[in-house]
Amino acid sequence: MSDAPFDPGLQPERTLLAWKRTCLALGVAAVVAVRFAAEALGPFAAVLGAVGIAAALASYLVSARRYRTAQAALKDTGRIPVDGAALGLLTVTLLVTGAGAAIYLLGAS
């Protein structure tokens, strides 16, 4: 690791903005999945959509918390803390959206 002091540039903020866009896109995908699957799956589609939206929102909140934690840690120690919670929640969102799409495809045929 370099002994250079922490550069409070815009890179951490750009990373947070990328997380925001990704979480928003996954939340919208969950809503669209509910829209198309509602006729075939009934109330189960709404449950899948709610879980997908909740996971996308949780991913965003965890990534925002991680941004604040990383900024503070970089200023104090110069090291970024390791945390995979946001990525895990994002994976759950993708799996729920994919499961809803698969169930829709199987139910529609």
Foldseek 3Di string as FASTA:
>chain_A
DDPDAQDPDCVLVVVLVVLVVLLVVLLVLLVVLLVLQCVQPPVVSVVLSVLLNVLSVVLSVVSVVLSVVQVVCCNPPVDRDDDCPSVVSSVVSVVSSVVSVVVSVVRVD
